[in-house]
Protein backbone atom coordinates (compact mmCIF):
# COMPACT_ATOMS: atom_id res chain seq x y z
CA MET A 1 -88.90 -8.78 -149.84
CA SER A 2 -89.14 -8.06 -153.56
CA LEU A 3 -88.27 -4.74 -155.15
CA GLN A 4 -91.88 -4.43 -156.26
CA LYS A 5 -93.09 -4.50 -152.64
CA ILE A 6 -90.37 -2.14 -151.42
CA LEU A 7 -91.25 0.46 -154.04
CA ARG A 8 -94.97 -0.46 -154.04
CA LEU A 9 -94.99 -0.80 -157.79
CA PRO A 10 -98.17 -1.92 -159.53
CA LYS A 11 -98.25 -5.64 -160.20
CA LYS A 12 -98.82 -5.05 -163.89
CA ARG A 13 -96.28 -3.07 -165.85
CA ASP A 14 -97.46 0.49 -166.26
CA SER A 15 -96.08 3.05 -168.70
CA LYS A 16 -96.10 5.60 -165.92
CA LEU A 17 -93.09 4.87 -163.74
CA VAL A 18 -92.94 5.61 -160.04
CA GLU A 19 -90.76 8.25 -158.44
CA SER A 20 -87.56 7.17 -156.69
CA ARG A 21 -84.90 8.59 -154.40
CA PHE A 22 -82.22 8.61 -157.14
CA GLU A 23 -82.06 11.74 -159.26
CA PRO A 24 -79.36 12.06 -161.96
CA LYS A 25 -77.36 15.28 -161.78
CA ARG A 26 -76.55 16.52 -165.26
CA LEU A 27 -73.61 18.90 -165.56
CA SER A 28 -74.14 22.35 -167.02
CA SER A 29 -73.69 22.22 -170.79
CA GLU A 30 -72.77 25.90 -171.18
CA ILE A 31 -69.48 26.20 -173.08
CA PRO A 32 -67.44 29.30 -172.13
CA GLY A 33 -65.21 31.22 -174.54
CA VAL A 34 -63.94 30.07 -177.94
CA VAL A 35 -63.86 26.33 -178.69
CA PHE A 36 -60.58 25.02 -180.10
CA ARG A 37 -61.03 21.25 -179.72
CA GLU A 38 -63.76 18.68 -179.20
CA TYR A 39 -63.54 14.90 -178.76
CA THR A 40 -65.26 11.86 -177.27
CA LEU A 41 -64.09 8.75 -175.43
CA PRO A 42 -64.68 5.30 -177.02
CA GLU A 43 -66.51 4.00 -173.94
CA TYR A 44 -68.75 7.08 -173.73
CA PRO A 45 -69.62 8.14 -177.31
CA LEU A 46 -72.60 10.25 -176.22
CA VAL A 47 -70.47 12.53 -174.05
CA ARG A 48 -68.57 15.39 -175.67
CA ILE A 49 -65.41 16.86 -174.16
CA VAL A 50 -65.06 20.46 -175.28
CA LEU A 51 -61.86 22.47 -174.80
CA SER A 52 -62.16 26.23 -175.03
CA ASP A 53 -60.39 29.46 -174.20
CA GLU A 54 -62.07 32.14 -172.14
CA LYS A 55 -59.95 35.28 -171.90
CA GLY A 56 -56.72 33.29 -171.72
CA ASN A 57 -58.06 30.66 -169.32
CA GLY A 58 -58.37 27.07 -170.48
CA CYS A 59 -61.75 25.38 -170.02
CA TYR A 60 -62.63 21.67 -170.03
CA THR A 61 -66.38 21.19 -170.43
CA VAL A 62 -68.10 17.80 -170.17
CA VAL A 63 -71.28 17.90 -172.27
CA GLU A 64 -73.54 15.05 -171.17
CA PRO A 65 -76.61 13.74 -173.01
CA GLU A 66 -79.98 15.10 -171.91
CA LEU A 67 -82.43 12.87 -170.05
CA SER A 68 -86.18 12.77 -170.61
CA ASP A 69 -88.49 12.35 -167.63
CA GLU A 70 -89.02 8.70 -168.53
CA GLN A 71 -85.27 8.10 -168.77
CA LYS A 72 -84.78 9.72 -165.36
CA ARG A 73 -87.32 7.38 -163.80
CA LEU A 74 -85.82 4.34 -165.50
CA TYR A 75 -82.42 5.43 -164.18
CA SER A 76 -83.84 5.69 -160.67
CA LEU A 77 -85.38 2.23 -160.83
CA LEU A 78 -82.15 0.65 -162.07
CA LEU A 79 -80.20 2.21 -159.22
CA GLU A 80 -82.81 1.12 -156.67
CA LYS A 81 -82.27 -2.42 -157.87
CA LEU A 82 -78.48 -2.13 -157.93
CA TYR A 83 -78.21 -0.66 -154.44
CA PHE A 84 -81.03 -2.38 -152.58
CA GLY A 85 -82.26 -5.34 -154.59
CA LEU A 86 -79.08 -7.25 -155.42
CA LYS A 87 -76.86 -9.29 -153.18
CA PRO A 88 -73.29 -7.92 -153.44
CA THR A 89 -70.85 -10.21 -155.26
CA GLN A 90 -67.08 -10.11 -155.54
CA GLU A 91 -67.44 -9.26 -159.23
CA MET A 92 -69.69 -6.29 -158.40
CA ILE A 93 -67.35 -4.99 -155.69
CA ARG A 94 -64.16 -5.52 -157.70
CA ASP A 95 -65.29 -3.67 -160.84
CA PRO A 96 -68.77 -2.10 -160.55
CA VAL A 97 -68.54 -0.37 -163.94
CA LYS A 98 -67.79 -3.62 -165.74
CA TYR A 99 -70.58 -5.33 -163.81
CA VAL A 100 -73.07 -2.72 -165.00
CA GLU A 101 -71.89 -3.06 -168.60
CA GLU A 102 -72.47 -6.82 -168.51
CA ASN A 103 -75.66 -6.95 -166.44
CA LEU A 104 -77.67 -3.78 -167.05
CA LEU A 105 -80.19 -5.38 -169.43
CA SER A 106 -80.73 -8.44 -167.24
CA ILE A 107 -81.34 -6.13 -164.26
CA ALA A 108 -83.86 -4.22 -166.38
CA ASP A 109 -85.63 -7.48 -167.21
CA GLU A 110 -85.82 -8.37 -163.52
CA ILE A 111 -87.65 -5.15 -162.66
CA GLY A 112 -89.98 -5.55 -165.61
CA PHE A 113 -88.77 -2.69 -167.79
CA GLY A 114 -86.38 -4.51 -170.15
CA GLU A 115 -88.00 -3.21 -173.32
CA GLU A 116 -87.94 0.43 -172.18
CA VAL A 117 -84.32 0.19 -171.04
CA ARG A 118 -83.26 -1.37 -174.34
CA GLN A 119 -84.83 1.53 -176.20
CA ASN A 120 -82.83 3.98 -174.09
CA ARG A 121 -79.80 1.79 -173.51
CA ASP A 122 -76.92 4.13 -174.44
CA VAL A 123 -78.10 7.10 -172.36
CA LEU A 124 -78.98 4.95 -169.34
CA MET A 125 -75.75 2.97 -169.61
CA TYR A 126 -73.73 6.18 -169.34
CA TYR A 127 -75.54 7.58 -166.32
CA VAL A 128 -75.64 4.28 -164.41
CA LYS A 129 -71.95 3.63 -165.11
CA ARG A 130 -71.22 7.19 -164.01
CA GLU A 131 -73.05 6.62 -160.74
CA VAL A 132 -71.18 3.41 -159.83
CA GLY A 133 -67.90 4.79 -161.18
CA TYR A 134 -66.59 8.22 -160.19
CA GLY A 135 -69.85 10.15 -160.27
CA ILE A 136 -69.77 13.60 -161.84
CA CYS A 137 -65.97 13.21 -162.21
CA GLU A 138 -66.28 10.03 -164.31
CA ILE A 139 -65.15 11.57 -167.60
CA PRO A 140 -61.88 13.15 -166.34
CA PHE A 141 -61.07 9.86 -164.61
CA ARG A 142 -61.50 7.97 -167.91
CA ASP A 143 -59.95 10.57 -170.21
CA PRO A 144 -56.40 9.38 -171.03
CA LEU A 145 -55.31 12.96 -171.77
CA VAL A 146 -56.02 14.06 -168.19
CA GLU A 147 -52.95 13.74 -165.97
CA GLU A 148 -54.26 15.28 -162.77
CA ILE A 149 -57.67 16.10 -161.29
CA GLU A 150 -57.84 18.76 -158.58
CA CYS A 151 -60.70 19.65 -156.24
CA HIS A 152 -60.10 22.79 -154.18
CA GLY A 153 -63.37 22.71 -152.25
CA PHE A 154 -67.12 22.87 -152.68
CA ILE A 155 -68.62 25.53 -154.98
CA THR A 156 -65.20 25.88 -156.67
CA PRO A 157 -64.93 24.18 -160.11
CA VAL A 158 -62.74 21.09 -160.34
CA THR A 159 -59.61 21.69 -162.43
CA VAL A 160 -57.61 19.27 -164.60
CA VAL A 161 -54.07 19.11 -165.96
CA LEU A 162 -54.16 18.00 -169.58
CA ARG A 163 -51.21 16.28 -171.26
CA GLY A 164 -49.64 18.44 -173.95
CA SER A 165 -51.80 21.47 -173.18
CA GLU A 166 -50.53 25.03 -173.34
CA TYR A 167 -52.55 25.76 -170.18
CA PRO A 168 -51.05 24.78 -166.79
CA ARG A 169 -54.57 23.65 -165.80
CA LEU A 170 -58.08 23.89 -167.20
CA THR A 171 -61.28 24.78 -165.35
CA THR A 172 -64.09 22.24 -165.70
CA ASN A 173 -67.86 22.49 -165.36
CA ILE A 174 -67.74 19.95 -162.53
CA ILE A 175 -68.82 21.52 -159.23
CA PHE A 176 -69.71 20.02 -155.86
CA GLU A 177 -72.58 22.16 -154.62
CA SER A 178 -72.06 21.58 -150.90
CA GLU A 179 -69.49 20.39 -148.38
CA ASP A 180 -71.73 17.39 -147.62
CA GLU A 181 -71.75 16.30 -151.26
CA LEU A 182 -67.99 16.77 -151.56
CA ALA A 183 -67.27 14.94 -148.29
CA ARG A 184 -69.34 11.94 -149.42
CA PHE A 185 -67.41 11.82 -152.70
CA ALA A 186 -64.08 12.03 -150.82
CA GLU A 187 -65.21 9.14 -148.59
CA LYS A 188 -66.10 7.08 -151.66
CA LEU A 189 -62.75 7.90 -153.26
CA SER A 190 -60.80 7.05 -150.11
CA GLU A 191 -62.60 3.78 -149.50
CA ARG A 192 -61.46 2.57 -152.92
CA THR A 193 -57.90 2.76 -151.60
CA GLY A 194 -58.84 0.68 -148.57
CA ARG A 195 -58.84 3.65 -146.19
CA SER A 196 -61.54 5.84 -144.69
CA PRO A 197 -61.18 9.49 -143.69
CA ASN A 198 -62.67 10.90 -140.52
CA ARG A 199 -62.14 13.84 -138.20
CA ALA A 200 -59.61 11.92 -136.13
CA ASN A 201 -57.62 10.97 -139.27
CA PRO A 202 -58.49 13.66 -141.84
CA ILE A 203 -55.63 12.96 -144.28
CA VAL A 204 -55.74 10.00 -146.65
CA GLU A 205 -53.09 9.03 -149.19
CA GLY A 206 -53.42 5.96 -151.30
CA VAL A 207 -53.73 4.32 -154.70
CA LEU A 208 -56.98 3.68 -156.56
CA PRO A 209 -57.62 0.31 -158.26
CA GLU A 210 -56.54 1.84 -161.60
CA GLY A 211 -53.17 2.81 -160.12
CA HIS A 212 -53.93 6.52 -159.71
CA ARG A 213 -52.47 8.21 -156.63
CA ILE A 214 -54.83 10.22 -154.45
CA ALA A 215 -54.51 12.63 -151.55
CA VAL A 216 -57.53 13.73 -149.50
CA THR A 217 -58.02 16.27 -146.71
CA TYR A 218 -61.32 15.62 -145.02
CA SER A 219 -63.72 18.18 -143.58
CA ASP A 220 -62.31 21.44 -142.19
CA GLU A 221 -59.87 19.84 -139.75
CA VAL A 222 -56.75 20.62 -141.80
CA SER A 223 -58.03 22.53 -144.85
CA ARG A 224 -60.33 25.45 -145.53
CA PRO A 225 -63.12 25.82 -146.38
CA GLY A 226 -63.46 22.06 -146.09
CA THR A 227 -62.73 18.82 -147.93
CA THR A 228 -60.21 18.82 -150.80
CA TRP A 229 -58.69 16.08 -152.93
CA ASP A 230 -56.18 15.58 -155.71
CA VAL A 231 -55.76 12.62 -158.06
CA ARG A 232 -52.58 12.10 -160.03
CA LYS A 233 -53.39 9.73 -162.85
CA PHE A 234 -50.95 7.26 -164.31
CA PRO A 235 -51.20 5.68 -167.76
CA GLU A 236 -52.51 2.14 -168.02
CA ARG A 237 -49.26 1.07 -169.62
CA PRO A 238 -45.80 2.49 -168.92
CA PHE A 239 -44.11 4.89 -171.31
CA THR A 240 -41.09 3.43 -173.08
CA ALA A 241 -37.81 5.17 -173.89
CA PRO A 242 -38.75 5.47 -177.60
CA GLU A 243 -41.98 7.24 -176.60
CA LEU A 244 -40.12 9.81 -174.54
CA ILE A 245 -37.71 10.31 -177.44
CA LYS A 246 -40.71 10.82 -179.72
CA TYR A 247 -42.11 13.46 -177.35
CA GLY A 248 -38.74 15.22 -177.07
CA THR A 249 -38.21 14.48 -173.36
CA ILE A 250 -34.89 12.76 -174.08
CA THR A 251 -32.79 11.92 -177.15
CA PRO A 252 -31.39 8.60 -178.41
CA LEU A 253 -27.93 9.74 -177.26
CA ILE A 254 -29.11 10.47 -173.71
CA ALA A 255 -30.99 7.17 -173.55
CA ALA A 256 -27.99 5.20 -174.88
CA TYR A 257 -25.65 6.87 -172.37
CA LEU A 258 -27.91 6.07 -169.41
CA TRP A 259 -28.58 2.56 -170.76
CA LEU A 260 -24.86 1.74 -170.61
CA LEU A 261 -24.51 3.15 -167.10
CA LEU A 262 -27.46 1.11 -165.91
CA GLU A 263 -26.22 -2.08 -167.55
CA ALA A 264 -22.93 -1.58 -165.70
CA LYS A 265 -25.05 -1.30 -162.52
CA ARG A 266 -24.04 2.24 -161.80
CA PHE A 267 -26.16 4.42 -159.50
CA VAL A 268 -28.37 6.96 -161.35
CA LEU A 269 -30.59 9.60 -159.74
CA ILE A 270 -33.49 11.44 -161.42
CA VAL A 271 -34.06 14.94 -160.03
CA GLY A 272 -37.12 17.14 -160.50
CA ALA A 273 -40.01 18.99 -158.93
CA THR A 274 -43.47 17.57 -158.23
CA GLY A 275 -45.22 16.70 -161.49
CA SER A 276 -42.06 17.11 -163.58
CA GLY A 277 -42.18 13.51 -164.85
CA LYS A 278 -39.63 11.82 -162.58
CA THR A 279 -41.60 8.60 -162.19
CA THR A 280 -42.48 8.48 -165.90
CA LEU A 281 -38.81 8.84 -166.87
CA LEU A 282 -37.73 6.32 -164.25
CA ASN A 283 -40.24 3.80 -165.56
CA ALA A 284 -39.20 4.42 -169.18
CA LEU A 285 -35.51 3.88 -168.42
CA LEU A 286 -36.37 0.59 -166.73
CA THR A 287 -37.73 -0.66 -170.08
CA LEU A 288 -34.11 -0.60 -171.33
CA LEU A 289 -32.89 -3.10 -168.75
CA HIS A 290 -32.25 -6.65 -169.84
CA PRO A 291 -35.67 -8.38 -169.81
CA HIS A 292 -34.23 -11.25 -167.75
CA SER A 293 -32.82 -8.98 -165.02
CA LYS A 294 -34.22 -9.34 -161.52
CA ILE A 295 -35.62 -6.00 -160.42
CA VAL A 296 -36.93 -5.02 -156.99
CA THR A 297 -39.02 -1.84 -156.86
CA ILE A 298 -39.76 -0.09 -153.56
CA GLU A 299 -42.38 2.67 -153.29
CA ASP A 300 -44.65 4.50 -150.89
CA THR A 301 -47.54 4.05 -153.31
CA ALA A 302 -47.36 1.53 -156.13
CA GLU A 303 -46.84 3.58 -159.30
CA LEU A 304 -44.14 1.84 -161.31
CA LYS A 305 -45.31 -0.67 -163.89
CA LEU A 306 -42.94 -3.24 -165.38
CA TYR A 307 -43.40 -6.31 -167.49
CA HIS A 308 -40.12 -7.96 -166.54
CA LYS A 309 -40.71 -11.58 -165.54
CA ASN A 310 -38.39 -11.29 -162.55
CA TRP A 311 -39.98 -8.28 -160.88
CA GLU A 312 -40.51 -8.03 -157.12
CA ARG A 313 -42.81 -5.18 -156.10
CA PHE A 314 -42.62 -3.82 -152.55
CA PHE A 315 -44.43 -0.86 -151.01
CA THR A 316 -44.55 0.69 -147.55
CA ARG A 317 -47.27 0.28 -144.94
CA LYS A 318 -48.32 2.65 -142.21
CA ALA A 319 -49.02 1.50 -138.66
CA SER A 320 -52.70 1.20 -137.79
CA TYR A 321 -54.76 1.43 -134.65
CA ILE A 322 -55.33 -2.34 -134.69
CA GLY A 323 -51.65 -2.89 -134.00
CA THR A 324 -50.07 -3.53 -137.41
CA LYS A 325 -46.42 -2.51 -137.56
CA GLU A 326 -45.22 0.28 -139.82
CA ILE A 327 -43.05 -0.93 -142.68
CA ASP A 328 -40.94 1.89 -144.10
CA MET A 329 -38.66 2.15 -147.12
CA ASN A 330 -35.60 1.45 -145.04
CA ASP A 331 -37.11 -1.91 -144.00
CA LEU A 332 -37.92 -2.77 -147.60
CA VAL A 333 -34.49 -1.83 -148.98
CA SER A 334 -32.95 -4.05 -146.30
CA VAL A 335 -35.15 -7.03 -147.07
CA SER A 336 -34.73 -6.57 -150.84
CA LEU A 337 -31.06 -7.56 -150.47
CA ARG A 338 -32.27 -11.09 -149.53
CA TYR A 339 -33.89 -11.44 -152.95
CA ARG A 340 -30.63 -11.41 -154.91
CA PRO A 341 -31.67 -8.49 -157.12
CA ASP A 342 -29.74 -7.16 -160.08
CA TYR A 343 -31.36 -3.77 -159.53
CA ILE A 344 -32.95 -2.05 -156.54
CA ILE A 345 -35.25 0.75 -157.67
CA VAL A 346 -36.69 3.15 -155.11
CA GLY A 347 -39.59 5.18 -156.50
CA GLU A 348 -38.58 8.32 -154.60
CA VAL A 349 -36.23 8.80 -151.66
CA ARG A 350 -37.24 11.36 -149.08
CA GLY A 351 -35.46 10.29 -145.91
CA LYS A 352 -32.78 8.13 -144.39
CA GLU A 353 -33.60 5.15 -146.63
CA ILE A 354 -31.05 6.76 -148.97
CA ALA A 355 -28.38 5.41 -146.60
CA THR A 356 -29.48 1.78 -147.04
CA LEU A 357 -29.76 2.26 -150.81
CA VAL A 358 -26.23 3.67 -151.00
CA GLN A 359 -24.89 0.70 -149.07
CA ALA A 360 -26.79 -1.64 -151.41
CA VAL A 361 -25.30 -0.15 -154.58
CA ALA A 362 -21.88 -0.16 -152.91
CA THR A 363 -22.11 -3.96 -152.75
CA GLY A 364 -22.61 -4.28 -156.52
CA HIS A 365 -26.35 -3.94 -157.03
CA GLY A 366 -27.61 -1.60 -159.70
CA GLY A 367 -29.64 1.27 -158.32
CA MET A 368 -31.89 4.04 -159.52
CA THR A 369 -34.25 6.38 -157.75
CA SER A 370 -35.86 9.81 -158.01
CA PHE A 371 -35.32 12.80 -155.77
CA HIS A 372 -37.32 15.95 -155.20
CA GLY A 373 -35.10 18.89 -156.08
CA GLY A 374 -34.13 21.50 -158.62
CA ASP A 375 -30.66 20.38 -159.70
CA THR A 376 -27.61 18.30 -158.78
CA LYS A 377 -26.48 20.83 -156.16
CA ASP A 378 -29.82 20.42 -154.37
CA VAL A 379 -29.21 16.68 -154.20
CA PHE A 380 -25.85 17.02 -152.48
CA THR A 381 -27.16 19.63 -150.05
CA ARG A 382 -30.18 17.59 -148.98
CA VAL A 383 -28.39 14.23 -148.76
CA THR A 384 -25.70 15.81 -146.60
CA GLY A 385 -28.46 17.05 -144.29
CA LEU A 386 -30.26 13.69 -144.20
CA VAL A 387 -27.29 11.35 -143.71
CA PRO A 388 -24.15 13.41 -143.07
CA GLU A 389 -22.21 10.29 -142.07
CA LEU A 390 -22.76 8.78 -145.54
CA ALA A 391 -22.52 11.92 -147.66
CA GLU A 392 -19.05 11.10 -148.97
CA GLU A 393 -19.95 7.48 -149.78
CA PHE A 394 -23.07 8.71 -151.57
CA LYS A 395 -20.99 10.99 -153.80
CA SER A 396 -18.52 8.21 -154.54
CA GLU A 397 -21.26 5.78 -155.61
CA LEU A 398 -23.41 8.21 -157.60
CA ALA A 399 -22.63 8.02 -161.33
CA ALA A 400 -25.06 10.52 -162.83
CA THR A 401 -28.00 12.79 -162.13
CA VAL A 402 -30.77 13.45 -164.64
CA VAL A 403 -32.58 16.76 -164.13
CA ILE A 404 -36.11 16.89 -165.58
CA ARG A 405 -38.49 19.84 -165.62
CA ARG A 406 -41.82 21.01 -166.96
CA ILE A 407 -41.14 23.77 -169.47
CA GLN A 408 -43.27 25.74 -171.91
CA ASN A 409 -42.47 25.30 -175.58
CA PRO A 410 -41.97 28.86 -176.94
CA ASN A 411 -43.28 27.88 -180.39
CA THR A 412 -46.42 25.98 -179.46
CA GLY A 413 -47.05 27.30 -175.96
CA ARG A 414 -47.53 23.73 -174.79
CA VAL A 415 -46.18 22.59 -171.44
CA GLU A 416 -43.67 19.79 -171.99
CA ARG A 417 -41.56 17.57 -169.77
CA LYS A 418 -37.94 17.67 -170.75
CA VAL A 419 -34.61 16.50 -169.41
CA VAL A 420 -32.67 19.76 -169.19
CA GLU A 421 -29.37 18.38 -167.91
CA VAL A 422 -27.52 15.12 -167.39
CA ASP A 423 -24.58 15.51 -165.02
CA GLU A 424 -21.81 13.04 -164.48
CA ILE A 425 -20.39 12.72 -160.98
CA SER A 426 -16.74 11.94 -160.35
CA TYR A 427 -15.37 11.56 -156.84
CA GLU A 428 -11.66 11.26 -156.16
CA GLU A 429 -9.73 11.82 -152.93
CA GLY A 430 -12.50 13.77 -151.26
CA ARG A 431 -13.18 15.98 -154.27
CA THR A 432 -16.47 15.90 -156.18
CA ASP A 433 -16.54 16.99 -159.82
CA VAL A 434 -19.86 17.57 -161.60
CA THR A 435 -19.57 17.48 -165.39
CA PRO A 436 -22.56 18.43 -167.54
CA VAL A 437 -22.78 15.73 -170.21
CA PHE A 438 -26.01 16.78 -171.93
CA THR A 439 -27.46 20.27 -171.53
CA TRP A 440 -30.65 21.66 -173.06
CA ASN A 441 -30.07 25.03 -174.68
CA PHE A 442 -33.29 27.04 -174.39
CA GLU A 443 -32.32 29.62 -177.03
CA GLN A 444 -31.35 27.14 -179.74
CA GLU A 445 -33.82 24.50 -178.51
CA ARG A 446 -31.42 21.60 -178.75
CA PHE A 447 -29.06 19.58 -176.57
CA PHE A 448 -25.36 20.32 -176.28
CA LEU A 449 -23.02 17.40 -175.66
CA MET A 450 -20.42 18.41 -173.09
CA ASP A 451 -18.80 21.63 -174.35
CA SER A 452 -19.46 20.95 -178.02
CA LYS A 453 -21.80 23.47 -179.64
CA GLU A 454 -22.08 21.53 -182.90
CA ASP A 455 -24.64 19.01 -184.07
CA LEU A 456 -22.68 15.77 -183.84
CA THR A 457 -23.35 12.50 -185.61
CA THR A 458 -23.97 9.47 -183.43
CA GLU A 459 -20.45 8.22 -184.22
CA ALA A 460 -18.81 11.54 -183.35
CA ALA A 461 -20.85 11.81 -180.14
CA ALA A 462 -19.80 8.28 -179.18
CA SER A 463 -16.12 9.11 -179.71
CA LEU A 464 -16.37 12.29 -177.62
CA LEU A 465 -18.17 10.52 -174.78
CA ILE A 466 -15.83 7.55 -174.65
CA ALA A 467 -12.79 9.85 -174.63
CA ARG A 468 -14.06 12.15 -171.88
CA SER A 469 -16.64 10.33 -169.75
CA LYS A 470 -15.03 8.84 -166.66
CA GLN A 471 -18.22 6.96 -165.82
CA LEU A 472 -18.37 5.31 -169.25
CA GLN A 473 -14.69 4.40 -168.94
CA LEU A 474 -15.41 2.80 -165.57
CA SER A 475 -18.47 1.07 -167.07
CA SER A 476 -16.28 -0.49 -169.77
CA GLN A 477 -14.24 -2.18 -167.03
CA LEU A 478 -17.34 -3.36 -165.15
CA LEU A 479 -18.86 -4.76 -168.36
CA GLY A 480 -15.59 -6.35 -169.48
CA LEU A 481 -15.48 -4.33 -172.69
CA THR A 482 -12.68 -2.40 -174.34
CA LEU A 483 -13.32 1.28 -175.00
CA THR A 484 -13.67 0.46 -178.70
CA GLN A 485 -16.30 -2.17 -177.92
CA LEU A 486 -18.11 0.23 -175.59
CA ARG A 487 -18.18 2.86 -178.35
CA GLU A 488 -19.73 0.32 -180.69
CA ALA A 489 -22.29 -0.65 -178.04
CA PHE A 490 -23.23 3.02 -177.59
CA ILE A 491 -23.73 3.49 -181.34
CA GLU A 492 -25.76 0.28 -181.61
CA ARG A 493 -28.11 1.33 -178.82
CA ALA A 494 -28.56 4.88 -180.06
CA ASN A 495 -29.34 3.55 -183.55
CA LEU A 496 -31.73 0.93 -182.12
CA LEU A 497 -33.66 3.64 -180.27
CA SER A 498 -33.73 5.92 -183.33
CA SER A 499 -34.96 3.04 -185.46
CA ALA A 500 -37.69 2.23 -182.92
CA VAL A 501 -38.97 5.81 -183.04
CA LYS A 502 -38.75 5.99 -186.84
CA ASN A 503 -40.67 2.73 -187.26
CA GLY A 504 -43.26 3.47 -184.59
CA VAL A 505 -42.04 0.74 -182.21
CA VAL A 506 -43.06 2.44 -178.99
CA GLU A 507 -45.51 0.01 -177.37
CA TYR A 508 -43.90 -1.81 -174.46
CA GLY A 509 -44.43 -5.40 -175.61
CA VAL A 510 -43.01 -4.82 -179.10
CA PHE A 511 -40.12 -2.66 -177.90
CA SER A 512 -39.29 -5.14 -175.13
CA GLN A 513 -38.95 -7.88 -177.75
CA MET A 514 -36.66 -5.54 -179.70
CA VAL A 515 -34.45 -5.26 -176.61
CA VAL A 516 -34.51 -9.05 -176.13
CA ASP A 517 -33.47 -9.55 -179.76
CA TYR A 518 -30.66 -7.03 -179.31
CA TYR A 519 -29.19 -8.89 -176.34
CA LEU A 520 -29.73 -12.28 -178.02
CA ASN A 521 -27.97 -11.20 -181.20
CA LYS A 522 -25.15 -9.66 -179.19
CA ARG A 523 -24.64 -12.91 -177.28
CA ARG A 524 -24.62 -14.93 -180.48
CA GLY A 525 -22.05 -12.54 -181.91
CA GLU A 526 -19.83 -12.99 -178.86
CA LYS A 527 -19.97 -16.79 -179.23
CA LYS A 528 -18.78 -16.54 -182.82
């Protein structure tokens, strides 16, 4: 049956359009407080994002274009056709927003209103893309500055965490008016991860097609007053070490130190609270590894993004009611050993999989992971509780811990992610020594190297580290380098990273080639 018969449209095109069941919901355009920034997104030039301050509270207001009555009716007709008049295709299901971008005008021609739609193309394109995308939350989902989107329940405004903002979170003008509306959105969100929430299984965790991690509590089974959800967004491309140096998260000296430990296949652990930037730092440090290394990553939800050619990507699977077996991290760490990896990277260890990872690094594989905790002491306490039988072996294999936190810059008020301490672990005859190698001094707002309170040149820092770092001394043996050669390698890497930042070489592809050239030139030098 044709769309014309379903909607009982007149056979001849009439300027007066019929009513439809689809009604666009425009967000309130009222801007609270004092505006301090305004911007648009390239894909949605008609939508303004306005940041303002209302009595010390940050506000994130999405100002959408107004719709005339005729535009509303055209919108309704287009959606009628999209939902009920088209046969679903793989292209439409895989990327509905892209499908709309490419086919909106042809759909308009099919329903006999091509000319009218062309005259109102930009406004209609936004609202139709919004509908097939993430609805009233479309803009925060597409805004690259938004790191996290939080929905606490119906009637309560959605909040966002904005990168580089002085506000911990900002209140938006996005509100779900009822539990029914919110529950439908949560269902839509969950289904894009391949899972569906219901009262029997009210908790959903998964990854959206864009790589964003979501958590949903459905209805009022486990949360009050009802459905809630949280989306942690991840950038389309991974941050590189030079980018984190540029943002002040780490320094060239810290990066060069960790680079040498990782090349020697020592075991490094990143420690921090939720949202502190553990995964971002982990991913950035992986960009320093030799581009030809074979890397196996193991995660609960696929978050890490690498461009290494020899990258094996594993993630866990929960058991299902249809009989599929649960595959946990311990299973994946075990099977990864069959892939002859140079490095085994576990996104975050939470349980006894730490035991298998420790045994893997003990056999010569490089290892790195992140751990939820406050400092190095927390790591030892929790690992001893998880696998007491392997606590001593864990301490003997661990080379360094990197503690990262979210802190507020006292000068700008902005919340920043910063490595506040890098500790070196030495284990001899049952005794564990923790030596702070790099420490962030909050008063002077700079890093101290070991017990030196002076600003050291790269050469002086290299000499101090080589003389006093037991892990670097061990790394020199594993890499087959003299201490003098290791000092030179440290200086070269620190200078390479500083040069990358100075020259704006932060994009992964360009920086990766810089790393390739470094290793290639080093190999040529060795042959001479």
